[in-house]
């Protein structure tokens, strides 16, 4: 079996496990690699947190080897423990006002659009996510909308290239494609360097530090600061925008589900803006976000490695053997999720969740502290955005579109998703 022929690494894993079962091995270049795809095996493999760097080397041009993403053991633990201060409940509570401010900018723009006009959903969600991340992680350094757009444009070029490489499509040396990537990657790094230089001149109050401040305080290395800022920015843009795109796409296709979310928000929030506290009462909204993660397979896989022998099922793996945790295969396993291609948020109500292994749905990973650091941030921002958009507008997907997923490190639609809006005449606080 070949990754390029399969179309994506996720589809390669689907084919692999369909043929060989819940645990299977394959050669990644000259490296024997094992893939696992069952809640039971995930549970056995829940403690390893080191990542096999060779597997992710194709992303090195963007993140560089200075990135926390390429660090293991004590180096990784030290940075992660430090950076997690930027994602505490207290920090998310502060960020909530920024989330609301940014989504209202988008809502005000959409208010001026005639009902029925076609709107590019992906473009809007990437812009909303990028501006909100830039503000809450890096401060008011990207208030210039043109610079946010420039950052987003360079990001798109870079990430599109990374996804091609992940699928086995490598650029030729000296090709225009490689030159375009190098230009966009250099520009993206330069934008971050300028933002960092400006931020260094600002006195920040104790307890109000953002991620960029925490990173700068922790190291004298400019390379580490830039690398880790880009690592968190890119991960955030992909995770949050993909979640929003697929969520609104499904709600646009399912007006009954959309109305249920809308009504919950009216019942819980009334005309008030959501807060970190009130968000906890939006239980059905959380079910919809969980089902979006599962149905769309937003994060198809993770990879881990151990320095010691480990046992998986009946097999003993040699030290240094990379293990792929095939989340996407499990998310669409019909024995766990009946009719897995159907979008059904009731899968995550309390009664359904109780009878299912907790390892059947861990969209942000489960390897202790290597679990995605922005998991709470992702849901907090998504709920804040939806709380405004779904109380102001009814979303509909334009008919006649063929929407296909592209499975990479995150899953996005292959083409733009076009929607229409119908304004809901209700004032918001």
Protein backbone atom coordinates (compact mmCIF):
# COMPACT_ATOMS: atom_id res chain seq x y z
CA UNK A 1 0.00 0.00 0.00
CA UNK A 2 1.24 3.47 -0.88
CA UNK A 3 0.36 6.78 0.84
CA UNK A 4 0.36 8.73 -2.42
CA UNK A 5 -1.97 6.22 -4.08
CA UNK A 6 -4.30 6.30 -1.05
CA UNK A 7 -4.69 10.06 -1.44
CA UNK A 8 -3.85 10.95 2.15
CA UNK A 9 -2.11 9.46 5.16
CA UNK A 10 -5.49 9.10 6.88
CA UNK A 11 -6.95 7.09 4.00
CA UNK A 12 -3.79 4.99 3.96
CA UNK A 13 -4.42 4.17 7.64
CA UNK A 14 -8.08 3.36 6.91
CA UNK A 15 -7.02 0.91 4.20
CA UNK A 16 -4.28 -0.54 6.41
CA UNK A 17 -6.59 -1.30 9.32
CA UNK A 18 -9.39 -2.59 7.12
CA UNK A 19 -6.98 -5.18 5.79
CA UNK A 20 -4.94 -6.05 8.88
CA UNK A 21 -7.06 -5.20 11.93
CA UNK A 22 -6.65 -2.92 14.94
CA UNK A 23 -2.84 -3.13 15.03
CA UNK A 24 -0.69 -3.17 11.93
CA UNK A 25 2.82 -2.26 10.82
CA UNK A 26 4.20 -0.61 7.71
CA UNK A 27 7.43 0.92 6.48
CA UNK A 28 7.75 4.69 6.54
CA UNK A 29 10.86 4.97 4.40
CA UNK A 30 13.34 2.73 6.19
CA UNK A 31 11.56 3.00 9.56
CA UNK A 32 9.24 0.20 10.67
CA UNK A 33 6.15 1.93 12.06
CA UNK A 34 3.14 0.56 13.96
CA UNK A 35 -0.39 1.93 13.79
CA UNK A 36 -3.11 1.26 16.36
CA UNK A 37 -6.85 1.83 15.94
CA UNK A 38 -8.99 0.76 18.89
CA UNK A 39 -9.93 2.29 22.26
CA UNK A 40 -8.33 -0.68 24.04
CA UNK A 41 -4.99 -0.14 22.30
CA UNK A 42 -5.22 3.62 22.84
CA UNK A 43 -5.62 2.95 26.56
CA UNK A 44 -2.52 0.76 26.57
CA UNK A 45 -0.61 3.48 24.76
CA UNK A 46 -1.95 6.48 26.69
CA UNK A 47 1.22 7.33 28.61
CA UNK A 48 3.96 7.80 25.98
CA UNK A 49 4.33 11.49 25.16
CA UNK A 50 7.53 11.80 23.10
CA UNK A 51 7.04 12.39 19.39
CA UNK A 52 9.06 10.66 16.62
CA UNK A 53 10.74 13.71 15.12
CA UNK A 54 11.65 11.99 11.87
CA UNK A 55 7.96 11.55 11.13
CA UNK A 56 7.32 15.30 11.31
CA UNK A 57 10.50 16.52 9.60
CA UNK A 58 8.57 17.65 6.53
CA UNK A 59 7.12 20.46 8.72
CA UNK A 60 10.57 21.60 9.86
CA UNK A 61 10.83 24.43 7.29
CA UNK A 62 7.87 26.20 8.94
CA UNK A 63 8.44 25.43 12.60
CA UNK A 64 12.25 24.87 12.61
CA UNK A 65 14.05 22.51 14.95
CA UNK A 66 13.86 25.14 17.70
CA UNK A 67 10.11 24.55 18.00
CA UNK A 68 8.59 22.88 21.06
CA UNK A 69 6.98 20.50 18.57
CA UNK A 70 10.40 18.93 17.97
CA UNK A 71 11.36 18.69 21.63
CA UNK A 72 11.01 15.66 23.90
CA UNK A 73 11.71 14.65 27.49
CA UNK A 74 12.82 17.39 29.90
CA UNK A 75 13.20 20.13 27.27
CA UNK A 76 9.61 19.65 26.15
CA UNK A 77 8.23 19.25 29.70
CA UNK A 78 9.88 22.46 30.87
CA UNK A 79 8.56 24.57 27.99
CA UNK A 80 5.10 23.07 28.10
CA UNK A 81 4.72 23.63 31.84
CA UNK A 82 5.73 27.26 31.33
CA UNK A 83 3.54 27.95 28.30
CA UNK A 84 0.42 26.35 29.81
CA UNK A 85 0.06 29.47 31.97
CA UNK A 86 -1.32 31.18 28.86
CA UNK A 87 -4.26 28.75 28.70
CA UNK A 88 -5.59 28.75 32.27
CA UNK A 89 -9.24 29.36 33.09
CA UNK A 90 -8.31 32.86 34.22
CA UNK A 91 -6.61 33.57 30.88
CA UNK A 92 -9.59 32.24 28.91
CA UNK A 93 -11.91 34.43 30.95
CA UNK A 94 -9.84 37.47 29.89
CA UNK A 95 -9.85 36.36 26.27
CA UNK A 96 -13.61 35.99 26.10
CA UNK A 97 -14.12 39.74 25.54
CA UNK A 98 -11.67 39.63 22.63
CA UNK A 99 -13.48 36.67 21.09
CA UNK A 100 -16.79 38.54 21.29
CA UNK A 101 -15.30 41.78 19.93
CA UNK A 102 -13.80 40.02 16.91
CA UNK A 103 -16.89 38.01 16.03
CA UNK A 104 -19.05 41.13 16.28
CA UNK A 105 -16.81 42.75 13.65
CA UNK A 106 -17.67 39.87 11.34
CA UNK A 107 -21.35 39.95 12.30
CA UNK A 108 -21.54 43.69 11.62
CA UNK A 109 -19.99 43.09 8.19
CA UNK A 110 -22.49 40.33 7.45
CA UNK A 111 -25.36 42.54 8.64
CA UNK A 112 -24.74 44.78 5.63
CA UNK A 113 -24.94 41.89 3.16
CA UNK A 114 -28.33 41.28 1.50
CA UNK A 115 -30.10 38.05 2.52
CA UNK A 116 -29.32 35.31 0.05
CA UNK A 117 -25.94 36.62 -1.09
CA UNK A 118 -23.31 33.89 -1.37
CA UNK A 119 -20.61 34.12 1.33
CA UNK A 120 -17.29 32.17 1.43
CA UNK A 121 -17.40 30.37 4.78
CA UNK A 122 -13.79 29.15 4.85
CA UNK A 123 -12.39 32.58 4.10
CA UNK A 124 -14.52 34.16 6.83
CA UNK A 125 -13.65 31.58 9.49
CA UNK A 126 -9.92 31.68 8.75
CA UNK A 127 -9.95 35.48 8.99
CA UNK A 128 -11.95 35.45 12.24
CA UNK A 129 -9.70 32.79 13.77
CA UNK A 130 -6.45 34.44 12.68
CA UNK A 131 -7.39 37.88 14.00
CA UNK A 132 -8.63 36.47 17.32
CA UNK A 133 -5.56 34.30 17.83
CA UNK A 134 -3.23 37.15 16.94
CA UNK A 135 -4.89 39.42 19.49
CA UNK A 136 -5.25 36.96 22.36
CA UNK A 137 -1.85 35.29 21.99
CA UNK A 138 0.24 38.25 20.79
CA UNK A 139 -1.66 41.35 21.90
CA UNK A 140 -2.69 44.32 19.77
CA UNK A 141 0.23 43.88 17.39
CA UNK A 142 -1.97 42.90 14.44
CA UNK A 143 -4.65 45.56 14.66
CA UNK A 144 -3.74 46.50 11.10
CA UNK A 145 -6.12 44.33 9.08
CA UNK A 146 -3.78 44.30 6.08
CA UNK A 147 -1.04 42.67 8.17
CA UNK A 148 -3.47 40.03 9.45
CA UNK A 149 -4.49 39.32 5.84
CA UNK A 150 -0.84 39.13 4.79
CA UNK A 151 -0.10 36.73 7.63
CA UNK A 152 -3.07 34.59 6.62
CA UNK A 153 -2.09 34.59 2.94
CA UNK A 154 1.45 33.43 3.72
CA UNK A 155 0.12 30.82 6.11
CA UNK A 156 -2.17 29.37 3.42
CA UNK A 157 0.67 29.04 0.94
CA UNK A 158 2.91 27.35 3.52
CA UNK A 159 0.31 24.97 4.85
CA UNK A 160 -0.90 23.94 1.40
CA UNK A 161 2.67 22.95 0.62
CA UNK A 162 2.98 20.97 3.86
CA UNK A 163 -0.22 19.05 3.11
CA UNK A 164 1.08 18.13 -0.34
CA UNK A 165 4.28 16.80 1.19
CA UNK A 166 2.35 14.82 3.79
CA UNK A 167 0.50 13.09 0.93
CA UNK A 168 3.85 12.20 -0.66
CA UNK A 169 3.93 15.00 -3.27
CA UNK A 170 7.40 16.54 -2.88
CA UNK A 171 8.52 19.68 -4.77
CA UNK A 172 11.43 19.65 -7.19
CA UNK A 173 14.54 21.62 -6.25
CA UNK A 174 14.47 25.06 -7.83
CA UNK A 175 10.81 24.77 -8.87
CA UNK A 176 8.45 27.77 -8.80
CA UNK A 177 6.38 25.90 -6.25
CA UNK A 178 9.33 25.65 -3.88
CA UNK A 179 10.27 29.30 -4.47
CA UNK A 180 6.70 30.41 -3.68
CA UNK A 181 6.77 28.40 -0.45
CA UNK A 182 10.14 29.84 0.59
CA UNK A 183 8.93 33.40 -0.03
CA UNK A 184 5.73 32.89 1.96
CA UNK A 185 7.55 31.13 4.80
CA UNK A 186 10.17 33.88 5.06
CA UNK A 187 7.48 36.58 5.02
CA UNK A 188 5.51 34.81 7.76
CA UNK A 189 8.60 34.59 9.97
CA UNK A 190 9.41 38.26 9.35
CA UNK A 191 5.90 39.35 10.34
CA UNK A 192 6.25 37.43 13.62
CA UNK A 193 9.72 38.88 14.25
CA UNK A 194 8.36 42.42 13.85
CA UNK A 195 5.52 41.65 16.24
CA UNK A 196 7.93 40.23 18.80
CA UNK A 197 10.21 43.28 18.56
CA UNK A 198 7.25 45.59 19.20
CA UNK A 199 5.97 43.49 22.08
CA UNK A 200 9.36 43.63 23.81
CA UNK A 201 8.91 47.39 24.20
CA UNK A 202 5.63 47.03 26.12
CA UNK A 203 5.40 46.81 29.92
CA UNK A 204 2.89 44.07 30.73
CA UNK A 205 1.16 43.92 34.11
CA UNK A 206 1.78 40.83 36.21
CA UNK A 207 -1.06 38.36 35.69
CA UNK A 208 -1.94 39.78 32.27
CA UNK A 209 0.83 38.10 30.31
CA UNK A 210 -0.09 36.61 26.95
CA UNK A 211 1.56 33.59 25.37
CA UNK A 212 4.10 35.76 23.57
CA UNK A 213 5.14 37.39 26.87
CA UNK A 214 5.52 34.05 28.62
CA UNK A 215 7.64 32.66 25.80
CA UNK A 216 9.87 35.76 25.71
CA UNK A 217 10.35 35.68 29.48
CA UNK A 218 11.39 32.02 29.38
CA UNK A 219 14.31 32.24 26.93
CA UNK A 220 16.94 34.58 25.53
CA UNK A 221 16.87 32.79 22.18
CA UNK A 222 15.07 34.78 19.49
CA UNK A 223 14.91 31.63 17.36
CA UNK A 224 12.98 29.77 20.06
CA UNK A 225 10.58 32.68 20.54
CA UNK A 226 9.79 32.87 16.82
CA UNK A 227 9.57 29.08 16.42
CA UNK A 228 7.19 28.57 19.33
CA UNK A 229 5.01 31.56 18.40
CA UNK A 230 4.58 30.15 14.89
CA UNK A 231 3.94 26.65 16.26
CA UNK A 232 1.07 27.78 18.47
CA UNK A 233 -0.32 30.20 15.88
CA UNK A 234 -0.43 27.64 13.07
CA UNK A 235 -1.94 24.93 15.28
CA UNK A 236 -4.58 27.33 16.54
CA UNK A 237 -5.57 28.62 13.10
CA UNK A 238 -6.03 25.11 11.77
CA UNK A 239 -7.83 23.58 14.75
CA UNK A 240 -10.31 26.38 15.41
CA UNK A 241 -11.11 27.38 11.83
CA UNK A 242 -11.62 23.76 10.75
CA UNK A 243 -13.95 23.17 13.70
CA UNK A 244 -16.01 26.26 12.84
CA UNK A 245 -16.17 25.53 9.11
CA UNK A 246 -17.41 21.97 9.48
CA UNK A 247 -19.75 22.85 12.36
CA UNK A 248 -21.50 25.65 10.45
CA UNK A 249 -21.52 23.51 7.31
CA UNK A 250 -23.41 20.75 9.11
CA UNK A 251 -25.77 23.17 10.87
CA UNK A 252 -26.46 24.77 7.50
CA UNK A 253 -27.43 21.35 6.14
CA UNK A 254 -29.50 20.48 9.22
CA UNK A 255 -31.83 23.37 10.13
CA UNK A 256 -33.45 21.34 12.93
CA UNK A 257 -30.08 20.95 14.68
CA UNK A 258 -29.25 24.60 14.05
CA UNK A 259 -32.55 25.65 15.62
CA UNK A 260 -31.84 23.47 18.65
CA UNK A 261 -28.47 25.18 19.18
CA UNK A 262 -30.05 28.59 18.65
CA UNK A 263 -32.78 27.87 21.19
CA UNK A 264 -30.31 26.64 23.79
CA UNK A 265 -28.36 29.88 23.40
CA UNK A 266 -31.52 31.94 23.80
CA UNK A 267 -32.55 29.93 26.87
CA UNK A 268 -29.12 30.12 28.53
CA UNK A 269 -27.82 33.51 27.39
CA UNK A 270 -30.90 35.53 26.50
CA UNK A 271 -29.49 38.71 24.98
CA UNK A 272 -26.25 38.61 27.00
CA UNK A 273 -22.80 37.84 25.67
CA UNK A 274 -21.41 34.44 26.61
CA UNK A 275 -18.88 34.23 29.45
CA UNK A 276 -16.55 31.48 30.55
CA UNK A 277 -19.11 30.59 33.24
CA UNK A 278 -22.26 30.65 31.09
CA UNK A 279 -20.56 28.65 28.33
CA UNK A 280 -20.54 25.62 30.64
CA UNK A 281 -24.35 25.51 30.44
CA UNK A 282 -24.39 25.25 26.64
CA UNK A 283 -24.36 21.47 26.78
CA UNK A 284 -25.99 20.75 23.42
CA UNK A 285 -23.64 23.20 21.71
CA UNK A 286 -20.73 21.22 23.18
CA UNK A 287 -22.30 18.01 21.83
CA UNK A 288 -22.44 19.58 18.37
CA UNK A 289 -18.77 20.56 18.57
CA UNK A 290 -17.81 17.07 19.71
CA UNK A 291 -19.76 15.49 16.87
CA UNK A 292 -18.11 17.90 14.44
CA UNK A 293 -14.72 16.69 15.63
CA UNK A 294 -15.75 13.06 15.20
CA UNK A 295 -17.69 13.31 11.94
CA UNK A 296 -15.16 15.53 10.13
CA UNK A 297 -12.13 13.69 11.59
CA UNK A 298 -10.52 17.05 12.32
CA UNK A 299 -7.35 15.47 13.74
CA UNK A 300 -6.85 12.14 11.93
CA UNK A 301 -3.83 10.88 13.86
CA UNK A 302 -1.04 11.47 16.35
CA UNK A 303 2.37 9.81 16.64
CA UNK A 304 4.40 8.80 19.69
CA UNK A 305 7.63 6.96 20.45
CA UNK A 306 9.18 5.35 23.55
CA UNK A 307 12.81 4.84 24.53
CA UNK A 308 11.92 1.49 26.13
CA UNK A 309 10.18 -1.67 24.90
CA UNK A 310 6.37 -1.44 25.11
CA UNK A 311 3.59 -3.99 24.85
CA UNK A 312 0.60 -3.39 22.59
CA UNK A 313 -1.93 -6.20 22.45
CA UNK A 314 0.09 -9.38 22.08
CA UNK A 315 3.07 -7.60 20.57
CA UNK A 316 6.30 -6.26 22.07
CA UNK A 317 7.66 -3.21 20.29
CA UNK A 318 11.36 -2.41 20.24
CA UNK A 319 12.55 0.89 21.72
CA UNK A 320 12.29 3.75 19.23
CA UNK A 321 9.44 2.24 17.22
CA UNK A 322 7.06 5.02 16.11
CA UNK A 323 3.41 4.35 16.94
CA UNK A 324 0.61 6.05 15.01
CA UNK A 325 -2.57 6.60 17.00
CA UNK A 326 -5.17 6.42 14.20
CA UNK A 327 -7.91 8.57 15.73
CA UNK A 328 -9.73 8.99 12.43
CA UNK A 329 -10.10 5.25 11.92
CA UNK A 330 -11.69 4.90 15.35
CA UNK A 331 -13.92 7.97 14.89
CA UNK A 332 -15.66 6.21 11.98
CA UNK A 333 -15.63 2.66 13.34
CA UNK A 334 -19.26 1.47 12.92
CA UNK A 335 -19.04 -0.90 15.88
CA UNK A 336 -18.42 2.13 18.12
CA UNK A 337 -20.38 4.75 16.17
CA UNK A 338 -23.38 3.22 14.33
CA UNK A 339 -23.87 4.82 10.91
CA UNK A 340 -20.65 6.85 11.38
CA UNK A 341 -21.12 9.06 8.32
CA UNK A 342 -24.33 10.49 9.82
CA UNK A 343 -23.98 13.75 11.77
CA UNK A 344 -25.69 13.07 15.11
CA UNK A 345 -24.86 15.19 18.19
CA UNK A 346 -26.96 12.88 20.39
CA UNK A 347 -23.98 10.50 20.33
CA UNK A 348 -22.50 12.77 23.00
CA UNK A 349 -25.42 13.06 25.38
CA UNK A 350 -24.75 11.76 28.88
CA UNK A 351 -26.40 8.37 28.42
CA UNK A 352 -24.58 7.57 25.16
CA UNK A 353 -21.22 8.73 26.49
CA UNK A 354 -21.47 6.57 29.61
CA UNK A 355 -21.61 3.29 27.67
CA UNK A 356 -18.62 4.13 25.46
CA UNK A 357 -14.93 3.88 26.33
CA UNK A 358 -13.45 7.27 27.07
CA UNK A 359 -10.65 6.34 24.67
CA UNK A 360 -13.09 6.12 21.76
CA UNK A 361 -13.18 9.92 21.60
CA UNK A 362 -10.11 11.90 22.59
CA UNK A 363 -9.87 14.48 19.78
CA UNK A 364 -7.03 16.40 21.43
CA UNK A 365 -5.00 13.33 22.32
CA UNK A 366 -4.54 11.63 25.68
CA UNK A 367 -0.80 11.35 26.30
CA UNK A 368 -0.78 13.22 29.58
CA UNK A 369 0.65 16.70 29.22
CA UNK A 370 1.21 16.14 25.46
CA UNK A 371 -2.53 16.51 25.02
CA UNK A 372 -3.20 19.57 22.87
CA UNK A 373 -2.54 22.61 25.11
CA UNK A 374 -5.19 24.65 23.33
CA UNK A 375 -8.12 22.25 23.75
CA UNK A 376 -9.98 24.50 26.20
CA UNK A 377 -9.05 27.58 24.18
CA UNK A 378 -10.42 25.96 21.01
CA UNK A 379 -13.83 25.22 22.53
CA UNK A 380 -14.02 28.53 24.42
CA UNK A 381 -13.38 30.55 21.26
CA UNK A 382 -15.65 28.39 19.09
CA UNK A 383 -18.54 28.70 21.57
CA UNK A 384 -18.03 32.46 21.81
CA UNK A 385 -18.08 32.83 18.02
CA UNK A 386 -21.12 30.59 17.57
CA UNK A 387 -23.00 32.31 20.40
CA UNK A 388 -23.05 35.51 18.35
CA UNK A 389 -23.37 34.12 14.84
CA UNK A 390 -26.16 31.64 15.57
CA UNK A 391 -28.27 34.19 17.44
CA UNK A 392 -27.94 36.76 14.64
CA UNK A 393 -28.16 34.58 11.52
CA UNK A 394 -29.65 31.43 10.09
CA UNK A 395 -27.06 29.60 8.02
CA UNK A 396 -27.84 27.74 4.80
CA UNK A 397 -25.42 25.88 2.53
CA UNK A 398 -25.69 26.87 -1.12
CA UNK A 399 -27.12 23.95 -3.09
CA UNK A 400 -25.20 22.14 -5.79
CA UNK A 401 -21.78 22.15 -4.11
CA UNK A 402 -19.65 19.03 -3.92
CA UNK A 403 -17.83 19.32 -0.60
CA UNK A 404 -15.00 16.83 -0.12
CA UNK A 405 -12.62 16.66 2.85
CA UNK A 406 -8.87 16.87 2.52
CA UNK A 407 -7.24 14.88 5.32
CA UNK A 408 -3.93 16.27 6.50
CA UNK A 409 -2.74 17.08 10.01
CA UNK A 410 -6.15 18.73 10.16
CA UNK A 411 -9.13 18.16 7.87
CA UNK A 412 -10.47 20.94 5.66
CA UNK A 413 -12.82 21.12 2.66
CA UNK A 414 -11.08 20.81 -0.69
CA UNK A 415 -12.91 23.82 -2.10
CA UNK A 416 -14.51 26.92 -0.63
CA UNK A 417 -17.84 26.31 1.14
CA UNK A 418 -20.47 28.84 0.05
CA UNK A 419 -23.30 29.78 2.38
CA UNK A 420 -26.19 32.22 2.58
CA UNK A 421 -27.49 34.01 5.66
CA UNK A 422 -30.90 35.02 6.89
CA UNK A 423 -30.84 37.73 9.55
CA UNK A 424 -32.60 37.01 12.87
CA UNK A 425 -34.16 40.22 14.25
CA UNK A 426 -32.91 40.01 17.83
CA UNK A 427 -30.69 42.53 19.62
CA UNK A 428 -27.60 41.31 21.43
CA UNK A 429 -25.95 42.88 24.46
